[in-house]
Protein backbone atom coordinates (compact mmCIF):
# COMPACT_ATOMS: atom_id res chain seq x y z
CA MET A 1 41.05 -9.12 -5.66
CA ASN A 2 37.91 -8.88 -7.80
CA ALA A 3 35.93 -5.72 -8.59
CA GLY A 4 33.28 -6.44 -5.95
CA SER A 5 35.88 -6.77 -3.20
CA GLN A 6 37.64 -3.60 -4.30
CA THR A 7 34.39 -1.65 -4.32
CA PHE A 8 33.50 -3.01 -0.91
CA SER A 9 36.92 -2.05 0.51
CA VAL A 10 36.67 1.50 -0.83
CA ALA A 11 33.09 1.88 0.43
CA ARG A 12 34.10 0.59 3.87
CA ARG A 13 37.03 2.99 4.10
CA GLU A 14 34.90 5.95 3.00
CA PHE A 15 32.18 5.06 5.48
CA THR A 16 34.59 4.72 8.40
CA GLU A 17 36.25 8.05 7.57
CA ARG A 18 32.94 9.88 7.29
CA ALA A 19 31.49 8.17 10.37
CA LYS A 20 34.22 9.78 12.50
CA SER A 21 33.05 13.30 11.73
CA ARG A 22 30.77 15.21 14.10
CA VAL A 23 28.57 16.39 11.21
CA PHE A 24 27.92 12.78 10.17
CA ILE A 25 26.91 11.74 13.69
CA ILE A 26 24.63 14.78 14.19
CA THR A 27 23.03 14.21 10.79
CA LEU A 28 22.52 10.52 11.57
CA VAL A 29 20.84 11.33 14.90
CA LEU A 30 18.63 14.04 13.36
CA LEU A 31 17.55 11.83 10.46
CA SER A 32 16.78 8.98 12.84
CA ALA A 33 14.67 11.31 14.97
CA LEU A 34 12.92 12.63 11.87
CA ILE A 35 12.07 9.10 10.75
CA ILE A 36 10.64 8.25 14.17
CA VAL A 37 8.58 11.47 14.19
CA GLY A 38 7.35 10.59 10.70
CA PHE A 39 6.13 7.18 11.81
CA VAL A 40 4.36 8.67 14.83
CA ALA A 41 2.75 11.37 12.67
CA LEU A 42 1.67 8.78 10.14
CA SER A 43 -0.05 6.76 12.85
CA PHE A 44 -1.98 9.87 13.93
CA ILE A 45 -2.89 10.80 10.36
CA SER A 46 -4.17 7.32 9.58
CA GLY A 47 -6.70 7.70 12.39
CA GLY A 48 -5.31 5.02 14.64
CA GLU A 49 -5.98 1.33 14.51
CA GLY A 50 -9.28 0.01 15.74
CA GLU A 51 -11.36 2.91 14.48
CA PRO A 52 -13.27 1.88 11.37
CA MET A 53 -13.13 4.17 8.36
CA PRO A 54 -16.63 5.66 7.85
CA LEU A 55 -17.71 5.19 4.23
CA GLY A 56 -21.08 5.28 2.50
CA VAL A 57 -23.01 4.26 -0.58
CA ALA A 58 -25.83 6.14 -2.28
CA GLY A 59 -27.78 6.26 -5.49
CA ASP A 60 -28.24 3.35 -7.86
CA SER A 61 -25.50 1.12 -6.47
CA PRO A 62 -24.99 -2.46 -7.64
CA GLU A 63 -26.42 -5.26 -5.54
CA GLY A 64 -23.95 -6.41 -2.88
CA ILE A 65 -21.79 -3.26 -2.98
CA VAL A 66 -21.62 -3.05 0.83
CA GLN A 67 -20.19 -6.58 0.96
CA ASP A 68 -17.76 -5.62 -1.83
CA ILE A 69 -16.56 -2.62 0.20
CA GLU A 70 -16.05 -4.74 3.30
CA THR A 71 -14.19 -7.39 1.28
CA ALA A 72 -11.95 -4.81 -0.41
CA ALA A 73 -11.19 -3.24 2.98
CA SER A 74 -10.22 -6.60 4.47
CA PHE A 75 -7.79 -7.24 1.58
CA LEU A 76 -6.19 -3.85 2.32
CA ASP A 77 -6.10 -4.49 6.10
CA GLU A 78 -8.58 -1.69 6.73
CA SER A 79 -11.62 -1.61 8.96
CA VAL A 80 -14.71 0.10 7.55
CA GLU A 81 -18.19 1.08 8.68
CA VAL A 82 -20.47 1.41 5.65
CA THR A 83 -23.65 3.51 5.75
CA GLU A 84 -26.31 3.18 3.05
CA PHE A 85 -27.94 6.52 2.26
CA GLU A 86 -31.42 6.85 0.76
CA SER A 87 -30.40 9.73 -1.48
CA VAL A 88 -27.33 11.47 -2.81
CA ASP A 89 -28.40 14.63 -0.95
CA ALA A 90 -28.43 12.74 2.36
CA ALA A 91 -24.97 11.36 1.56
CA GLU A 92 -23.63 14.84 0.74
CA ALA A 93 -25.06 16.17 4.01
CA ALA A 94 -23.30 13.38 5.91
CA ILE A 95 -20.04 14.24 4.14
CA ASN A 96 -20.43 17.93 4.99
CA ASN A 97 -21.13 17.00 8.64
CA GLU A 98 -18.01 14.79 8.55
CA GLU A 99 -20.03 11.70 9.47
CA VAL A 100 -18.42 9.77 6.59
CA ASP A 101 -15.11 10.23 4.80
CA ALA A 102 -16.34 9.36 1.32
CA VAL A 103 -19.40 7.97 -0.46
CA LEU A 104 -19.62 5.75 -3.53
CA VAL A 105 -22.48 7.12 -5.64
CA ASP A 106 -24.13 4.97 -8.32
CA GLY A 107 -21.30 2.47 -8.03
CA ASN A 108 -18.95 4.60 -10.12
CA THR A 109 -18.34 8.00 -8.48
CA ILE A 110 -16.53 8.78 -5.23
CA VAL A 111 -17.80 11.90 -3.45
CA ALA A 112 -15.78 13.43 -0.60
CA LEU A 113 -15.44 16.79 1.14
CA ASN A 114 -11.82 17.10 0.01
CA ASP A 115 -9.44 14.72 -1.67
CA PRO A 116 -10.31 11.34 -0.06
CA SER A 117 -7.63 9.41 1.77
CA PHE A 118 -5.67 6.89 -0.22
CA ALA A 119 -7.22 4.08 1.82
CA ALA A 120 -10.80 5.29 1.24
CA GLU A 121 -10.20 5.76 -2.47
CA SER A 122 -8.53 2.36 -2.79
CA VAL A 123 -11.31 0.53 -0.93
CA LEU A 124 -14.13 2.20 -2.87
CA THR A 125 -12.39 1.79 -6.23
CA ALA A 126 -11.68 -1.90 -5.60
CA ALA A 127 -15.28 -2.46 -4.49
CA ALA A 128 -16.67 -0.67 -7.57
CA ASN A 129 -14.44 -2.73 -9.87
CA GLY A 130 -15.46 -5.97 -8.14
CA ALA A 131 -19.15 -5.11 -8.39
CA ALA A 132 -18.82 -4.20 -12.06
CA ARG A 133 -16.99 -7.47 -12.78
CA ARG A 134 -19.61 -9.47 -10.91
CA THR A 135 -22.48 -7.72 -12.75
CA THR A 136 -20.86 -8.28 -16.14
CA ALA A 137 -20.15 -11.93 -15.31
CA GLU A 138 -23.79 -12.47 -14.30
CA GLU A 139 -24.99 -10.84 -17.52
CA LEU A 140 -22.69 -13.14 -19.53
CA GLY A 141 -23.74 -16.21 -17.54
CA LEU A 142 -20.25 -16.87 -16.16
CA SER A 143 -19.74 -18.80 -12.95
CA PRO A 144 -17.59 -17.41 -10.12
CA GLU A 145 -14.94 -19.99 -11.06
CA ASP A 146 -14.91 -18.72 -14.66
CA VAL A 147 -14.45 -15.15 -13.45
CA ALA A 148 -11.68 -16.19 -11.05
CA SER A 149 -9.81 -17.94 -13.86
CA LEU A 150 -10.14 -14.87 -16.08
CA VAL A 151 -8.77 -12.40 -13.53
CA ALA A 152 -6.16 -14.67 -11.90
CA PRO A 153 -2.60 -13.48 -12.50
CA ILE A 154 -0.39 -15.78 -14.50
CA GLU A 155 2.95 -16.97 -13.20
CA ILE A 156 5.88 -15.59 -15.14
CA GLY A 157 9.05 -17.67 -15.31
CA PHE A 158 12.56 -16.23 -15.41
CA VAL A 159 15.56 -17.73 -17.18
CA GLU A 160 18.97 -16.19 -16.68
CA LEU A 161 21.20 -16.94 -19.66
CA ASP A 162 24.41 -15.65 -18.11
CA PRO A 163 24.24 -16.11 -14.33
CA PRO A 164 27.08 -14.60 -12.27
CA GLU A 165 29.78 -16.89 -10.96
CA PRO A 166 29.36 -17.84 -7.30
CA GLY A 167 30.86 -15.10 -5.14
CA GLU A 168 30.97 -12.54 -7.95
CA GLY A 169 28.22 -9.98 -7.64
CA ASP A 170 25.87 -12.32 -5.79
CA PRO A 171 23.34 -9.94 -4.20
CA GLU A 172 22.78 -12.11 -1.14
CA GLU A 173 26.48 -12.39 -0.42
CA ASP A 174 26.98 -8.65 -0.98
CA ALA A 175 24.06 -7.86 1.34
CA GLU A 176 25.41 -10.17 4.04
CA ALA A 177 28.88 -8.61 3.75
CA ALA A 178 27.42 -5.10 3.98
CA ALA A 179 25.39 -6.10 7.05
CA ARG A 180 28.52 -7.52 8.73
CA MET A 181 30.44 -4.33 7.92
CA ILE A 182 27.74 -2.08 9.36
CA ALA A 183 27.38 -4.27 12.45
CA SER A 184 31.12 -4.03 13.04
CA PHE A 185 30.81 -0.27 13.52
CA PHE A 186 28.23 -0.54 16.28
């Protein structure tokens, strides 16, 4: 019997012994309920699907920033409604009246009533970075293809010099065995 099989046997025995206790079952039920409540609370906190996130732009923003915000939001599976404000004061008034969650000012500053949501910050930051890249590329005379090739991630290869023997420590086989063991209890 190899080390993986021994470990699996001990883990299975320990799990079956602990699974018989009342404390284990109560804890399992309570944790499951807590996870479900967490998912429900998260859906309420995120504002619900279908409602666009109200964002704004103000000040000396780069050309095409609204399109950049909408593009960044689509990459993050978010829906946004972008308002362009004539002045920073008008944007701050809209924030104070809770008409918008956050505003991108001058293409480089996020203004919000409190700490902006992760989604709002991510969308506005990605849009600002995209606009800055586009502006710099235009100033340097680069084509969109040139920019895409500069920012495209490279593929990294992986060579394993000492791969495990088949059946010894293979993660897929261990995962399948663990799944079968858990399924056998239910």
